[in-house]
């Protein structure tokens, strides 16, 4: 079993690894997210993504991009902790950090066979759908219904009686 830290790659090294996998006929899936305090919805999303192919690459938002998307006080965990947690999951083969507002450039750089998004999206609302279509990348909606979130978890912690 590989150590979680060894799954976290630079873009350059990841491109080389994925080229090897593709040469051997393996299908590459790309998933992404903030993963700020890992919860069961994240695990189910990534397991669902993995079921779409052979090699799962997960893009994890950098601290600056999480703050831009989620607002003040976020992320709760820094990017290295979030990347390590995601990398520790059995379903995940590789993790790469990214700072851009969308993953379009990563789709172009990595050329996965499948772009997996969670059930909070539909085929028509995936932000990268045009890029995926242009590159011949299939979009798959995976995971369980979006009835849990880090925001909801934090709210329940704040409201819980302390004693």
Protein backbone atom coordinates (compact mmCIF):
# COMPACT_ATOMS: atom_id res chain seq x y z
CA UNK A 1 0.00 0.00 0.00
CA UNK A 2 1.36 3.40 -0.99
CA UNK A 3 1.92 6.13 1.59
CA UNK A 4 -0.63 8.93 1.17
CA UNK A 5 2.02 11.64 0.78
CA UNK A 6 3.52 9.82 -2.22
CA UNK A 7 0.22 10.24 -4.08
CA UNK A 8 0.48 14.06 -4.02
CA UNK A 9 2.13 15.20 -7.25
CA UNK A 10 3.25 18.26 -9.13
CA UNK A 11 1.48 18.78 -12.45
CA UNK A 12 4.65 17.87 -14.37
CA UNK A 13 5.16 14.54 -12.60
CA UNK A 14 1.45 13.76 -12.77
CA UNK A 15 1.40 14.29 -16.56
CA UNK A 16 4.26 11.79 -16.89
CA UNK A 17 2.54 9.21 -14.64
CA UNK A 18 -0.77 9.55 -16.48
CA UNK A 19 0.93 9.13 -19.86
CA UNK A 20 2.30 5.78 -18.61
CA UNK A 21 -1.16 4.69 -17.41
CA UNK A 22 -2.77 5.67 -20.71
CA UNK A 23 -0.11 3.79 -22.70
CA UNK A 24 -1.06 0.67 -20.75
CA UNK A 25 -4.73 1.19 -21.66
CA UNK A 26 -5.99 2.44 -18.30
CA UNK A 27 -8.85 4.93 -18.17
CA UNK A 28 -8.15 8.09 -16.14
CA UNK A 29 -10.86 9.86 -14.13
CA UNK A 30 -10.49 13.41 -12.83
CA UNK A 31 -12.48 14.72 -9.85
CA UNK A 32 -12.01 17.92 -7.89
CA UNK A 33 -13.11 19.88 -4.85
CA UNK A 34 -12.17 21.84 -1.75
CA UNK A 35 -12.51 18.88 0.66
CA UNK A 36 -12.48 21.25 3.64
CA UNK A 37 -13.06 18.83 6.52
CA UNK A 38 -13.55 15.51 4.80
CA UNK A 39 -17.04 14.01 5.23
CA UNK A 40 -18.99 10.97 4.02
CA UNK A 41 -20.29 12.83 0.95
CA UNK A 42 -16.72 13.40 -0.20
CA UNK A 43 -15.87 9.72 0.26
CA UNK A 44 -18.95 8.61 -1.69
CA UNK A 45 -18.22 11.14 -4.46
CA UNK A 46 -14.64 9.89 -4.85
CA UNK A 47 -15.66 6.23 -4.71
CA UNK A 48 -18.30 6.95 -7.36
CA UNK A 49 -15.69 8.72 -9.48
CA UNK A 50 -13.29 5.78 -9.17
CA UNK A 51 -15.97 3.41 -10.44
CA UNK A 52 -15.88 5.28 -13.78
CA UNK A 53 -12.39 4.04 -14.70
CA UNK A 54 -9.02 2.75 -13.52
CA UNK A 55 -6.97 5.68 -12.19
CA UNK A 56 -8.49 8.46 -10.08
CA UNK A 57 -6.81 11.87 -10.01
CA UNK A 58 -8.22 14.42 -7.57
CA UNK A 59 -7.65 18.16 -7.91
CA UNK A 60 -7.74 19.86 -4.51
CA UNK A 61 -8.32 23.61 -4.36
CA UNK A 62 -5.45 25.63 -2.89
CA UNK A 63 -6.06 27.69 0.26
CA UNK A 64 -6.42 30.90 -1.75
CA UNK A 65 -8.99 29.40 -4.10
CA UNK A 66 -11.03 27.88 -1.22
CA UNK A 67 -11.13 31.30 0.43
CA UNK A 68 -12.28 32.88 -2.85
CA UNK A 69 -15.04 30.26 -3.30
CA UNK A 70 -16.17 29.71 0.30
CA UNK A 71 -15.47 33.09 1.91
CA UNK A 72 -13.93 34.36 5.15
CA UNK A 73 -12.78 31.78 7.68
CA UNK A 74 -12.25 29.08 5.08
CA UNK A 75 -10.54 26.79 4.58
CA UNK A 76 -10.65 25.18 8.01
CA UNK A 77 -7.75 22.85 7.12
CA UNK A 78 -4.76 24.03 5.09
CA UNK A 79 -4.17 22.74 1.57
CA UNK A 80 -1.47 20.26 2.61
CA UNK A 81 -3.71 18.68 5.26
CA UNK A 82 -6.66 18.50 2.82
CA UNK A 83 -4.46 16.97 0.09
CA UNK A 84 -3.09 14.38 2.56
CA UNK A 85 -6.58 13.40 3.74
CA UNK A 86 -7.82 12.94 0.17
CA UNK A 87 -4.66 11.03 -0.76
CA UNK A 88 -5.22 8.65 2.17
CA UNK A 89 -8.47 7.38 0.64
CA UNK A 90 -8.21 3.98 -1.03
CA UNK A 91 -10.14 5.13 -4.13
CA UNK A 92 -7.63 7.92 -4.89
CA UNK A 93 -4.48 7.30 -6.93
CA UNK A 94 -3.11 10.84 -7.30
CA UNK A 95 -3.74 14.30 -5.87
CA UNK A 96 -2.75 17.64 -7.37
CA UNK A 97 -3.31 21.12 -5.89
CA UNK A 98 -4.67 23.90 -8.08
CA UNK A 99 -5.35 27.62 -7.62
CA UNK A 100 -7.36 28.50 -10.72
CA UNK A 101 -11.08 29.32 -10.38
CA UNK A 102 -11.99 26.29 -12.53
CA UNK A 103 -10.31 23.04 -13.53
CA UNK A 104 -10.42 23.70 -17.28
CA UNK A 105 -6.63 24.10 -17.52
CA UNK A 106 -6.13 20.85 -15.58
CA UNK A 107 -8.49 19.02 -17.95
CA UNK A 108 -6.43 20.35 -20.87
CA UNK A 109 -3.09 19.48 -19.23
CA UNK A 110 -4.00 16.03 -17.91
CA UNK A 111 -6.45 14.85 -20.60
CA UNK A 112 -8.48 12.45 -18.48
CA UNK A 113 -11.01 10.12 -20.09
CA UNK A 114 -13.73 11.09 -17.57
CA UNK A 115 -14.44 14.28 -15.61
CA UNK A 116 -16.45 13.31 -12.50
CA UNK A 117 -18.63 15.88 -10.74
CA UNK A 118 -20.86 15.53 -7.70
CA UNK A 119 -24.64 15.32 -7.65
CA UNK A 120 -24.92 19.04 -6.92
CA UNK A 121 -24.32 19.35 -10.69
CA UNK A 122 -26.23 18.15 -13.72
CA UNK A 123 -24.79 17.51 -17.18
CA UNK A 124 -25.98 21.03 -18.11
CA UNK A 125 -24.50 22.84 -15.08
CA UNK A 126 -20.96 21.41 -14.99
CA UNK A 127 -18.80 24.56 -15.36
CA UNK A 128 -16.22 22.77 -17.52
CA UNK A 129 -18.72 21.00 -19.79
CA UNK A 130 -17.72 22.91 -22.96
CA UNK A 131 -14.01 22.26 -22.38
CA UNK A 132 -14.68 18.58 -21.63
CA UNK A 133 -16.77 18.25 -24.80
CA UNK A 134 -14.11 19.95 -26.93
CA UNK A 135 -11.44 17.60 -25.53
CA UNK A 136 -13.59 14.46 -25.86
CA UNK A 137 -13.76 13.94 -22.09
CA UNK A 138 -16.93 12.24 -20.84
CA UNK A 139 -18.63 14.00 -17.92
CA UNK A 140 -20.05 11.72 -15.22
CA UNK A 141 -22.26 12.82 -12.32
CA UNK A 142 -21.36 10.60 -9.35
CA UNK A 143 -21.83 10.22 -5.61
CA UNK A 144 -24.83 10.33 -3.34
CA UNK A 145 -27.44 13.09 -3.08
CA UNK A 146 -25.90 16.32 -1.80
CA UNK A 147 -27.53 16.36 1.63
CA UNK A 148 -24.37 17.02 3.63
CA UNK A 149 -21.72 19.71 3.43
CA UNK A 150 -18.84 21.16 5.39
CA UNK A 151 -20.92 24.30 5.85
CA UNK A 152 -23.76 22.23 7.38
CA UNK A 153 -21.33 20.32 9.57
CA UNK A 154 -19.81 23.55 10.89
CA UNK A 155 -23.28 24.98 11.56
CA UNK A 156 -24.30 21.93 13.61
CA UNK A 157 -21.06 22.18 15.64
CA UNK A 158 -21.73 25.85 16.34
CA UNK A 159 -25.31 25.13 17.46
CA UNK A 160 -24.47 22.12 19.63
CA UNK A 161 -24.69 22.62 23.39
CA UNK A 162 -21.23 22.69 24.90
CA UNK A 163 -20.71 21.22 28.30
